[in-house]
C-alpha atoms as a PDB file:
ATOM      1  CA  MET A   1      -7.488-108.817 178.442  1.00  0.00           C
ATOM      2  CA  SER A   2     -10.404-108.947 176.049  1.00  0.00           C
ATOM      3  CA  SER A   3     -10.751-106.685 173.039  1.00  0.00           C
ATOM      4  CA  GLU A   4     -13.555-104.755 174.719  1.00  0.00           C
ATOM      5  CA  GLU A   5     -11.504-104.187 177.875  1.00  0.00           C
ATOM      6  CA  TRP A   6      -8.560-103.090 175.752  1.00  0.00           C
ATOM      7  CA  ASP A   7     -10.752-100.569 173.890  1.00  0.00           C
ATOM      8  CA  GLU A   8     -12.021 -99.139 177.177  1.00  0.00           C
ATOM      9  CA  THR A   9      -8.459 -98.854 178.503  1.00  0.00           C
ATOM     10  CA  VAL A  10      -7.267 -97.023 175.386  1.00  0.00           C
ATOM     11  CA  VAL A  11     -10.224 -94.611 175.460  1.00  0.00           C
ATOM     12  CA  SER A  12      -9.669 -93.933 179.163  1.00  0.00           C
ATOM     13  CA  LEU A  13      -5.952 -93.313 178.664  1.00  0.00           C
ATOM     14  CA  ALA A  14      -6.592 -91.010 175.692  1.00  0.00           C
ATOM     15  CA  TYR A  15      -9.096 -89.039 177.773  1.00  0.00           C
ATOM     16  CA  GLU A  16      -6.578 -88.598 180.606  1.00  0.00           C
ATOM     17  CA  ILE A  17      -3.858 -87.440 178.195  1.00  0.00           C
ATOM     18  CA  LYS A  18      -6.261 -85.010 176.549  1.00  0.00           C
ATOM     19  CA  GLN A  19      -7.295 -83.588 179.931  1.00  0.00           C
ATOM     20  CA  ASP A  20      -3.629 -83.086 180.859  1.00  0.00           C
ATOM     21  CA  LEU A  21      -3.048 -81.274 177.555  1.00  0.00           C
ATOM     22  CA  ILE A  22      -6.058 -79.010 178.130  1.00  0.00           C
ATOM     23  CA  ILE A  23      -4.747 -78.066 181.576  1.00  0.00           C
ATOM     24  CA  LEU A  24      -1.261 -77.353 180.160  1.00  0.00           C
ATOM     25  CA  CYS A  25      -2.763 -75.137 177.417  1.00  0.00           C
ATOM     26  CA  LYS A  26      -4.725 -73.139 179.983  1.00  0.00           C
ATOM     27  CA  GLU A  27      -1.693 -72.748 182.265  1.00  0.00           C
ATOM     28  CA  TRP A  28       0.422 -71.629 179.298  1.00  0.00           C
ATOM     29  CA  GLY A  29      -2.196 -69.047 178.373  1.00  0.00           C
ATOM     30  CA  LEU A  30      -2.350 -67.689 181.904  1.00  0.00           C
ATOM     31  CA  GLN A  31       1.442 -67.405 182.096  1.00  0.00           C
ATOM     32  CA  LEU A  32       1.613 -65.544 178.782  1.00  0.00           C
ATOM     33  CA  CYS A  33      -1.203 -63.184 179.765  1.00  0.00           C
ATOM     34  CA  GLU A  34       0.557 -62.494 183.053  1.00  0.00           C
ATOM     35  CA  SER A  35       3.853 -61.821 181.264  1.00  0.00           C
ATOM     36  CA  PHE A  36       2.645 -59.814 178.271  1.00  0.00           C
ATOM     37  CA  GLY A  37      -0.808 -58.527 179.198  1.00  0.00           C
ATOM     38  CA  PRO A  38      -4.205 -59.521 177.814  1.00  0.00           C
ATOM     39  CA  LEU A  39      -3.505 -58.581 174.187  1.00  0.00           C
ATOM     40  CA  LEU A  40      -0.150 -60.391 173.989  1.00  0.00           C
ATOM     41  CA  GLY A  41       0.847 -57.989 171.195  1.00  0.00           C
ATOM     42  CA  MET A  42      -0.177 -60.535 168.591  1.00  0.00           C
ATOM     43  CA  GLY A  43      -3.704 -59.677 167.537  1.00  0.00           C
ATOM     44  CA  ASP A  44      -6.137 -62.415 166.614  1.00  0.00           C
ATOM     45  CA  TYR A  45      -3.503 -65.139 166.228  1.00  0.00           C
ATOM     46  CA  GLY A  46      -2.257 -64.834 169.786  1.00  0.00           C
ATOM     47  CA  HIS A  47      -5.765 -64.600 171.165  1.00  0.00           C
ATOM     48  CA  LEU A  48      -6.916 -67.649 169.219  1.00  0.00           C
ATOM     49  CA  VAL A  49      -3.970 -69.843 170.140  1.00  0.00           C
ATOM     50  CA  ILE A  50      -3.673 -68.818 173.778  1.00  0.00           C
ATOM     51  CA  GLN A  51      -7.303 -68.441 174.761  1.00  0.00           C
ATOM     52  CA  HIS A  52      -8.855 -71.156 172.621  1.00  0.00           C
ATOM     53  CA  ALA A  53      -6.174 -73.833 172.070  1.00  0.00           C
ATOM     54  CA  SER A  54      -7.663 -76.167 174.653  1.00  0.00           C
ATOM     55  CA  THR A  55     -11.169 -75.762 173.211  1.00  0.00           C
ATOM     56  CA  MET A  56      -9.927 -76.406 169.679  1.00  0.00           C
ATOM     57  CA  MET A  57      -8.066 -79.531 170.794  1.00  0.00           C
ATOM     58  CA  ARG A  58     -11.173 -80.760 172.577  1.00  0.00           C
ATOM     59  CA  SER A  59     -13.442 -80.058 169.586  1.00  0.00           C
ATOM     60  CA  PHE A  60     -11.221 -80.866 166.597  1.00  0.00           C
ATOM     61  CA  ARG A  61      -8.585 -83.177 168.161  1.00  0.00           C
ATOM     62  CA  SER A  62      -5.976 -81.327 166.095  1.00  0.00           C
ATOM     63  CA  MET A  63      -4.577 -77.884 165.330  1.00  0.00           C
ATOM     64  CA  LYS A  64      -3.961 -78.877 161.712  1.00  0.00           C
ATOM     65  CA  GLU A  65      -6.778 -76.733 160.291  1.00  0.00           C
ATOM     66  CA  PHE A  66      -5.489 -73.707 162.184  1.00  0.00           C
ATOM     67  CA  SER A  67      -1.799 -73.973 161.384  1.00  0.00           C
ATOM     68  CA  ASN A  68      -1.773 -73.902 157.599  1.00  0.00           C
ATOM     69  CA  GLN A  69       0.042 -71.418 155.363  1.00  0.00           C
ATOM     70  CA  GLY A  70      -2.875 -68.988 155.078  1.00  0.00           C
ATOM     71  CA  PHE A  71      -3.331 -68.789 158.817  1.00  0.00           C
ATOM     72  CA  GLU A  72       0.387 -68.306 159.425  1.00  0.00           C
ATOM     73  CA  SER A  73       0.521 -65.638 156.717  1.00  0.00           C
ATOM     74  CA  SER A  74      -2.317 -63.779 158.411  1.00  0.00           C
ATOM     75  CA  HIS A  75      -0.345 -63.879 161.667  1.00  0.00           C
ATOM     76  CA  LYS A  76       2.691 -62.404 159.892  1.00  0.00           C
ATOM     77  CA  ALA A  77       0.543 -59.551 158.544  1.00  0.00           C
ATOM     78  CA  ASP A  78      -0.909 -58.926 162.031  1.00  0.00           C
ATOM     79  CA  CYS A  79       2.590 -58.721 163.508  1.00  0.00           C
ATOM     80  CA  GLY A  80       3.662 -56.265 160.808  1.00  0.00           C
ATOM     81  CA  LEU A  81       0.682 -54.027 161.511  1.00  0.00           C
ATOM     82  CA  TYR A  82       1.367 -54.192 165.236  1.00  0.00           C
ATOM     83  CA  GLN A  83       5.002 -53.172 164.712  1.00  0.00           C
ATOM     84  CA  GLN A  84       3.948 -50.239 162.530  1.00  0.00           C
ATOM     85  CA  ALA A  85       1.344 -49.113 165.061  1.00  0.00           C
ATOM     86  CA  THR A  86       3.728 -49.008 168.017  1.00  0.00           C
ATOM     87  CA  ASN A  87       6.713 -46.770 168.664  1.00  0.00           C
ATOM     88  CA  ASN A  88       9.046 -49.545 169.797  1.00  0.00           C
ATOM     89  CA  ASP A  89      12.221 -47.845 168.606  1.00  0.00           C
ATOM     90  CA  MET A  90      11.483 -44.414 170.078  1.00  0.00           C
ATOM     91  CA  MET A  91      11.784 -43.284 173.660  1.00  0.00           C
ATOM     92  CA  SER A  92       9.349 -40.461 174.242  1.00  0.00           C
ATOM     93  CA  LYS A  93       6.349 -39.773 176.426  1.00  0.00           C
ATOM     94  CA  ASP A  94       3.951 -41.559 174.027  1.00  0.00           C
ATOM     95  CA  CYS A  95       6.047 -44.624 173.217  1.00  0.00           C
ATOM     96  CA  SER A  96       5.058 -48.152 174.116  1.00  0.00           C
ATOM     97  CA  GLY A  97       8.559 -49.218 175.181  1.00  0.00           C
ATOM     98  CA  LEU A  98       9.498 -49.590 178.824  1.00  0.00           C
ATOM     99  CA  LEU A  99      12.167 -47.335 180.304  1.00  0.00           C
END
């Protein structure tokens, strides 16, 4: 196999793997939306990861820029705000918990 043929084979294989990953990301997002609803209870972090993971992988080839300490810290703050805004530990007519 020549060097040129080898390069074409590697590029083709990488493309197929990437396409499989994009499909898995989309299926994962659909399953989570079906299980937890469209907001996923996670604010921007959940929306970004679930709805746009495949696009980010296609565009940037990595999630490295979107998984650093600052981004994770922002997610932690979003979760804290979500917990404060919901009545998860109360069972009354206006609570968000399921009976």
